[in-house]
């Protein structure tokens, strides 16, 4: 099965948007001194950022 780069590119965009949304939520939680929630949200942000980075790397290897 051939890799659908347009689909992968779309998913990379979604990952980036999700990462940005989690970042905003985490920063707001941190400002509100809700450090437990902020910590978890920042952990999700890091995981999504890593997934985005790997997706972009895969896309770049196929071009």
PDB file of N, CA and C in Angstrom:
ATOM      1  N   UNK A   1       0.839  -1.175   0.000  1.00  0.00           N
ATOM      2  CA  UNK A   1       0.000   0.000   0.000  1.00  0.00           C
ATOM      3  C   UNK A   1       0.884   1.238   0.000  1.00  0.00           C
ATOM      4  N   UNK A   2       0.649   2.138  -0.919  1.00  0.00           N
ATOM      5  CA  UNK A   2       1.427   3.364  -1.024  1.00  0.00           C
ATOM      6  C   UNK A   2       1.002   4.351   0.067  1.00  0.00           C
ATOM      7  N   UNK A   3       1.957   5.097   0.520  1.00  0.00           N
ATOM      8  CA  UNK A   3       1.694   6.104   1.544  1.00  0.00           C
ATOM      9  C   UNK A   3       0.947   7.284   0.922  1.00  0.00           C
ATOM     10  N   UNK A   4      -0.176   7.638   1.498  1.00  0.00           N
ATOM     11  CA  UNK A   4      -0.969   8.772   1.025  1.00  0.00           C
ATOM     12  C   UNK A   4      -0.421  10.032   1.693  1.00  0.00           C
ATOM     13  N   UNK A   5       0.467  10.740   0.979  1.00  0.00           N
ATOM     14  CA  UNK A   5       1.123  11.897   1.579  1.00  0.00           C
ATOM     15  C   UNK A   5       0.163  13.055   1.823  1.00  0.00           C
ATOM     16  N   UNK A   6      -0.886  13.170   1.020  1.00  0.00           N
ATOM     17  CA  UNK A   6      -1.845  14.251   1.272  1.00  0.00           C
ATOM     18  C   UNK A   6      -2.606  13.996   2.577  1.00  0.00           C
ATOM     19  N   UNK A   7      -2.951  12.756   2.825  1.00  0.00           N
ATOM     20  CA  UNK A   7      -3.615  12.396   4.083  1.00  0.00           C
ATOM     21  C   UNK A   7      -2.661  12.609   5.264  1.00  0.00           C
ATOM     22  N   UNK A   8      -1.426  12.212   5.090  1.00  0.00           N
ATOM     23  CA  UNK A   8      -0.439  12.386   6.148  1.00  0.00           C
ATOM     24  C   UNK A   8      -0.192  13.867   6.431  1.00  0.00           C
ATOM     25  N   UNK A   9      -0.165  14.667   5.397  1.00  0.00           N
ATOM     26  CA  UNK A   9       0.006  16.108   5.562  1.00  0.00           C
ATOM     27  C   UNK A   9      -1.176  16.709   6.316  1.00  0.00           C
ATOM     28  N   UNK A  10      -2.367  16.261   5.998  1.00  0.00           N
ATOM     29  CA  UNK A  10      -3.560  16.724   6.696  1.00  0.00           C
ATOM     30  C   UNK A  10      -3.510  16.345   8.177  1.00  0.00           C
ATOM     31  N   UNK A  11      -3.085  15.139   8.463  1.00  0.00           N
ATOM     32  CA  UNK A  11      -2.960  14.690   9.851  1.00  0.00           C
ATOM     33  C   UNK A  11      -1.899  15.500  10.595  1.00  0.00           C
ATOM     34  N   UNK A  12      -0.808  15.827   9.914  1.00  0.00           N
ATOM     35  CA  UNK A  12       0.233  16.651  10.524  1.00  0.00           C
ATOM     36  C   UNK A  12      -0.333  18.019  10.898  1.00  0.00           C
ATOM     37  N   UNK A  13      -1.137  18.584  10.029  1.00  0.00           N
ATOM     38  CA  UNK A  13      -1.776  19.868  10.323  1.00  0.00           C
ATOM     39  C   UNK A  13      -2.688  19.759  11.547  1.00  0.00           C
ATOM     40  N   UNK A  14      -3.454  18.677  11.614  1.00  0.00           N
ATOM     41  CA  UNK A  14      -4.339  18.473  12.759  1.00  0.00           C
ATOM     42  C   UNK A  14      -3.545  18.336  14.055  1.00  0.00           C
ATOM     43  N   UNK A  15      -2.438  17.597  13.990  1.00  0.00           N
ATOM     44  CA  UNK A  15      -1.592  17.449  15.175  1.00  0.00           C
ATOM     45  C   UNK A  15      -1.064  18.799  15.634  1.00  0.00           C
ATOM     46  N   UNK A  16      -0.666  19.632  14.692  1.00  0.00           N
ATOM     47  CA  UNK A  16      -0.163  20.960  15.037  1.00  0.00           C
ATOM     48  C   UNK A  16      -1.265  21.803  15.697  1.00  0.00           C
ATOM     49  N   UNK A  17      -2.466  21.744  15.149  1.00  0.00           N
ATOM     50  CA  UNK A  17      -3.584  22.496  15.723  1.00  0.00           C
ATOM     51  C   UNK A  17      -3.922  21.987  17.131  1.00  0.00           C
ATOM     52  N   UNK A  18      -3.937  20.678  17.304  1.00  0.00           N
ATOM     53  CA  UNK A  18      -4.201  20.107  18.628  1.00  0.00           C
ATOM     54  C   UNK A  18      -3.127  20.514  19.622  1.00  0.00           C
ATOM     55  N   UNK A  19      -1.875  20.475  19.180  1.00  0.00           N
ATOM     56  CA  UNK A  19      -0.768  20.870  20.050  1.00  0.00           C
ATOM     57  C   UNK A  19      -0.963  22.303  20.519  1.00  0.00           C
ATOM     58  N   UNK A  20      -1.301  23.191  19.597  1.00  0.00           N
ATOM     59  CA  UNK A  20      -1.505  24.598  19.955  1.00  0.00           C
ATOM     60  C   UNK A  20      -2.657  24.769  20.945  1.00  0.00           C
ATOM     61  N   UNK A  21      -3.703  24.009  20.768  1.00  0.00           N
ATOM     62  CA  UNK A  21      -4.850  24.097  21.683  1.00  0.00           C
ATOM     63  C   UNK A  21      -4.475  23.601  23.078  1.00  0.00           C
ATOM     64  N   UNK A  22      -3.729  22.503  23.137  1.00  0.00           N
ATOM     65  CA  UNK A  22      -3.286  21.992  24.441  1.00  0.00           C
ATOM     66  C   UNK A  22      -2.321  22.972  25.106  1.00  0.00           C
ATOM     67  N   UNK A  23      -1.465  23.603  24.314  1.00  0.00           N
ATOM     68  CA  UNK A  23      -0.541  24.596  24.866  1.00  0.00           C
ATOM     69  C   UNK A  23      -1.318  25.741  25.510  1.00  0.00           C
ATOM     70  N   UNK A  24      -2.313  26.243  24.811  1.00  0.00           N
ATOM     71  CA  UNK A  24      -3.128  27.342  25.350  1.00  0.00           C
ATOM     72  C   UNK A  24      -3.808  26.935  26.648  1.00  0.00           C
ATOM     73  N   UNK A  25      -4.366  25.741  26.661  1.00  0.00           N
ATOM     74  CA  UNK A  25      -5.033  25.263  27.873  1.00  0.00           C
ATOM     75  C   UNK A  25      -4.046  25.103  29.025  1.00  0.00           C
ATOM     76  N   UNK A  26      -2.879  24.556  28.724  1.00  0.00           N
ATOM     77  CA  UNK A  26      -1.863  24.337  29.755  1.00  0.00           C
ATOM     78  C   UNK A  26      -1.375  25.665  30.324  1.00  0.00           C
ATOM     79  N   UNK A  27      -1.141  26.630  29.451  1.00  0.00           N
ATOM     80  CA  UNK A  27      -0.686  27.937  29.919  1.00  0.00           C
ATOM     81  C   UNK A  27      -1.742  28.620  30.775  1.00  0.00           C
ATOM     82  N   UNK A  28      -2.988  28.501  30.378  1.00  0.00           N
ATOM     83  CA  UNK A  28      -4.071  29.088  31.182  1.00  0.00           C
ATOM     84  C   UNK A  28      -4.165  28.394  32.541  1.00  0.00           C
ATOM     85  N   UNK A  29      -4.051  27.089  32.565  1.00  0.00           N
ATOM     86  CA  UNK A  29      -4.075  26.360  33.840  1.00  0.00           C
ATOM     87  C   UNK A  29      -2.916  26.794  34.725  1.00  0.00           C
ATOM     88  N   UNK A  30      -1.764  26.985  34.130  1.00  0.00           N
ATOM     89  CA  UNK A  30      -0.601  27.449  34.889  1.00  0.00           C
ATOM     90  C   UNK A  30      -0.850  28.853  35.457  1.00  0.00           C
ATOM     91  N   UNK A  31      -1.410  29.737  34.649  1.00  0.00           N
ATOM     92  CA  UNK A  31      -1.734  31.099  35.124  1.00  0.00           C
ATOM     93  C   UNK A  31      -2.738  31.063  36.281  1.00  0.00           C
ATOM     94  N   UNK A  32      -3.646  30.097  36.222  1.00  0.00           N
ATOM     95  CA  UNK A  32      -4.669  29.967  37.264  1.00  0.00           C
ATOM     96  C   UNK A  32      -4.150  29.199  38.492  1.00  0.00           C
ATOM     97  N   UNK A  33      -2.863  28.852  38.466  1.00  0.00           N
ATOM     98  CA  UNK A  33      -2.218  28.122  39.582  1.00  0.00           C
ATOM     99  C   UNK A  33      -2.786  26.721  39.769  1.00  0.00           C
ATOM    100  N   UNK A  34      -3.322  26.150  38.696  1.00  0.00           N
ATOM    101  CA  UNK A  34      -3.814  24.774  38.736  1.00  0.00           C
ATOM    102  C   UNK A  34      -2.696  23.888  38.181  1.00  0.00           C
ATOM    103  N   UNK A  35      -1.643  23.754  38.989  1.00  0.00           N
ATOM    104  CA  UNK A  35      -0.413  23.138  38.505  1.00  0.00           C
ATOM    105  C   UNK A  35      -0.541  21.664  38.154  1.00  0.00           C
ATOM    106  N   UNK A  36      -1.412  20.938  38.839  1.00  0.00           N
ATOM    107  CA  UNK A  36      -1.594  19.521  38.511  1.00  0.00           C
ATOM    108  C   UNK A  36      -2.162  19.343  37.115  1.00  0.00           C
ATOM    109  N   UNK A  37      -3.167  20.142  36.797  1.00  0.00           N
ATOM    110  CA  UNK A  37      -3.770  20.088  35.468  1.00  0.00           C
ATOM    111  C   UNK A  37      -2.777  20.587  34.428  1.00  0.00           C
ATOM    112  N   UNK A  38      -2.089  21.689  34.734  1.00  0.00           N
ATOM    113  CA  UNK A  38      -1.105  22.242  33.798  1.00  0.00           C
ATOM    114  C   UNK A  38      -0.030  21.206  33.476  1.00  0.00           C
ATOM    115  N   UNK A  39       0.434  20.504  34.490  1.00  0.00           N
ATOM    116  CA  UNK A  39       1.474  19.479  34.284  1.00  0.00           C
ATOM    117  C   UNK A  39       1.002  18.412  33.304  1.00  0.00           C
ATOM    118  N   UNK A  40      -0.215  17.938  33.489  1.00  0.00           N
ATOM    119  CA  UNK A  40      -0.746  16.907  32.602  1.00  0.00           C
ATOM    120  C   UNK A  40      -0.952  17.431  31.185  1.00  0.00           C
ATOM    121  N   UNK A  41      -1.474  18.650  31.078  1.00  0.00           N
ATOM    122  CA  UNK A  41      -1.688  19.230  29.754  1.00  0.00           C
ATOM    123  C   UNK A  41      -0.367  19.452  29.017  1.00  0.00           C
ATOM    124  N   UNK A  42       0.661  19.894  29.735  1.00  0.00           N
ATOM    125  CA  UNK A  42       1.969  20.059  29.109  1.00  0.00           C
ATOM    126  C   UNK A  42       2.550  18.713  28.674  1.00  0.00           C
ATOM    127  N   UNK A  43       2.248  17.645  29.421  1.00  0.00           N
ATOM    128  CA  UNK A  43       2.706  16.308  29.027  1.00  0.00           C
ATOM    129  C   UNK A  43       2.028  15.878  27.725  1.00  0.00           C
ATOM    130  N   UNK A  44       0.733  16.151  27.609  1.00  0.00           N
ATOM    131  CA  UNK A  44       0.018  15.843  26.366  1.00  0.00           C
ATOM    132  C   UNK A  44       0.603  16.674  25.225  1.00  0.00           C
ATOM    133  N   UNK A  45       0.863  17.949  25.497  1.00  0.00           N
ATOM    134  CA  UNK A  45       1.453  18.830  24.483  1.00  0.00           C
ATOM    135  C   UNK A  45       2.780  18.259  23.957  1.00  0.00           C
ATOM    136  N   UNK A  46       3.638  17.808  24.868  1.00  0.00           N
ATOM    137  CA  UNK A  46       4.933  17.231  24.458  1.00  0.00           C
ATOM    138  C   UNK A  46       4.734  15.990  23.590  1.00  0.00           C
ATOM    139  N   UNK A  47       3.785  15.149  23.963  1.00  0.00           N
ATOM    140  CA  UNK A  47       3.536  13.935  23.185  1.00  0.00           C
ATOM    141  C   UNK A  47       3.025  14.285  21.785  1.00  0.00           C
ATOM    142  N   UNK A  48       2.117  15.236  21.706  1.00  0.00           N
ATOM    143  CA  UNK A  48       1.595  15.645  20.400  1.00  0.00           C
ATOM    144  C   UNK A  48       2.678  16.315  19.553  1.00  0.00           C
ATOM    145  N   UNK A  49       3.521  17.124  20.201  1.00  0.00           N
ATOM    146  CA  UNK A  49       4.610  17.767  19.471  1.00  0.00           C
ATOM    147  C   UNK A  49       5.549  16.713  18.890  1.00  0.00           C
ATOM    148  N   UNK A  50       5.842  15.680  19.678  1.00  0.00           N
ATOM    149  CA  UNK A  50       6.684  14.591  19.186  1.00  0.00           C
ATOM    150  C   UNK A  50       6.043  13.852  18.025  1.00  0.00           C
ATOM    151  N   UNK A  51       4.743  13.611  18.117  1.00  0.00           N
ATOM    152  CA  UNK A  51       4.031  12.939  17.021  1.00  0.00           C
ATOM    153  C   UNK A  51       4.042  13.811  15.768  1.00  0.00           C
ATOM    154  N   UNK A  52       3.863  15.106  15.942  1.00  0.00           N
ATOM    155  CA  UNK A  52       3.904  16.021  14.797  1.00  0.00           C
ATOM    156  C   UNK A  52       5.286  16.018  14.153  1.00  0.00           C
ATOM    157  N   UNK A  53       6.311  16.113  14.969  1.00  0.00           N
ATOM    158  CA  UNK A  53       7.687  16.113  14.460  1.00  0.00           C
ATOM    159  C   UNK A  53       7.998  14.831  13.680  1.00  0.00           C
ATOM    160  N   UNK A  54       7.572  13.695  14.199  1.00  0.00           N
ATOM    161  CA  UNK A  54       7.814  12.422  13.512  1.00  0.00           C
ATOM    162  C   UNK A  54       7.032  12.332  12.214  1.00  0.00           C
ATOM    163  N   UNK A  55       5.810  12.852  12.215  1.00  0.00           N
ATOM    164  CA  UNK A  55       4.990  12.851  11.004  1.00  0.00           C
ATOM    165  C   UNK A  55       5.640  13.706   9.922  1.00  0.00           C
ATOM    166  N   UNK A  56       6.119  14.884  10.295  1.00  0.00           N
ATOM    167  CA  UNK A  56       6.803  15.762   9.342  1.00  0.00           C
ATOM    168  C   UNK A  56       8.065  15.091   8.817  1.00  0.00           C
ATOM    169  N   UNK A  57       8.797  14.440   9.689  1.00  0.00           N
ATOM    170  CA  UNK A  57      10.006  13.728   9.263  1.00  0.00           C
ATOM    171  C   UNK A  57       9.655  12.650   8.236  1.00  0.00           C
ATOM    172  N   UNK A  58       8.576  11.915   8.475  1.00  0.00           N
ATOM    173  CA  UNK A  58       8.128  10.878   7.537  1.00  0.00           C
ATOM    174  C   UNK A  58       7.725  11.507   6.206  1.00  0.00           C
ATOM    175  N   UNK A  59       6.976  12.587   6.276  1.00  0.00           N
ATOM    176  CA  UNK A  59       6.577  13.279   5.044  1.00  0.00           C
ATOM    177  C   UNK A  59       7.801  13.738   4.251  1.00  0.00           C
ATOM    178  N   UNK A  60       8.751  14.329   4.918  1.00  0.00           N
ATOM    179  CA  UNK A  60       9.950  14.828   4.245  1.00  0.00           C
ATOM    180  C   UNK A  60      10.783  13.706   3.625  1.00  0.00           C
ATOM    181  N   UNK A  61      10.727  12.539   4.211  1.00  0.00           N
ATOM    182  CA  UNK A  61      11.484  11.411   3.674  1.00  0.00           C
ATOM    183  C   UNK A  61      10.842  10.863   2.397  1.00  0.00           C
ATOM    184  N   UNK A  62       9.572  11.209   2.166  1.00  0.00           N
ATOM    185  CA  UNK A  62       8.833  10.716   0.998  1.00  0.00           C
ATOM    186  C   UNK A  62       8.790  11.706  -0.163  1.00  0.00           C
ATOM    187  N   UNK A  63       9.376  12.872   0.038  1.00  0.00           N
ATOM    188  CA  UNK A  63       9.347  13.895  -1.018  1.00  0.00           C
ATOM    189  C   UNK A  63      10.617  13.892  -1.809  1.00  0.00           C
TER     190      UNK A  63
END
